[in-house]
Each structure stands twice: as structure tokens, then as C-alpha cells.
Amino acid sequence: MNRNLTEQDKKIIRYSCRAGYMVSLIFVFMNFLFALGFSFHRNKEFHELMGPALILIPFLGLCILVLMNRSCYLDLKSDHKIVEKKKIQLKESKTVYEAGSGTLYIGQKMKPFQAYYLIIENTRYKVEQNFYDSIIEGEIIGFEMTSHRKHLIRMVKFKT
């Protein structure tokens, strides 16, 4: 079943593109450092070597940006999502402990909190407590996924 993307869906997809932006920004920063060194260095051989690098590094950053985020852009351009029906095999709630909260001094207790999971097609998905409480085992729920990457946007409960 296909549906149109909402503004919130588009925001989630854009947020998942941030890794490509960060990697390309590293290349831009590297280029800035090379240009800074290029401007202070007086050696002619250095200028012959670094001149092409100042052009190639931003181009490489742009290529990496396009390759990493190509499927995100295709998902945004297609402007629709796929909803797949899946059956909940098992509900699981367990106490987990906050990472790093027991490292201040010896004997400090780590902070516990409840984590809620759904087992669907032998895969564990972490969900919010209100969604966990609103469903039962064996119920059919919908997975809203992007059309190209099959990236899970959210799980929805079907209205009966």
C-alpha cells in the first residue's frame, strides 16, 4: 500500500542524510587547511602539487555527498512511502541500565530504566511505551518505509 510522504516523514528522511553531509564537510575542512597552507608556503614545487589538490578535494567531497545521499534524494523526490503489514511475534519489556552512569566512583549504582521491544520477523525493534501498551501480541501493524531504501520511518497501528 502506498501513501504520500508527510512533512514529518520528509524531516525524518532528511535527518537520515546527515552522515553524507558530515563526511563531505570533513573534505571541505581539509581543503580549507590545504588552502591555508598553500597561501603561506613559498616553495614552487609545493604550489605545483597542491594546486590540483585544491580542485580535486572539493570535487571528491561532492562525489561522496552525492553517492551517500543519492537514495535519500530519490526517496524525497518520489514523495511516497510503502506501508507493509507485519505480525507481532512477541512483546518484550526489560530493565536496562544507562550507559556510563556507573563510572563516577566505585560502588555507584547505574540508573535503570525500562526498554520496550517488539519482535517482528525475528528482529527486535525498540518502541515507545505508549505504542507498546496499545498493541497485543499477534496483532498486525504497519511498517511505513521509504520507497527506495526501505528505511523504516515509523510503525503504525491499523485501525480496526
Foldseek 3Di string as FASTA:
>chain_A
DKDFDDPLLLVLLVVVLVVLVVQLVVLVVVLVVLVVVLVPDDDPVSCVVCVVVNVVSNVVSVVSSCVSCVLSVVLVVVRMWDKDKWAFADKDKDKDFDPPQCPPDPPDDTDIDIWIWTQTPNDTDTDDPVVSVVDDHGAIWIFTAGDRPRHTSDIGHDDD
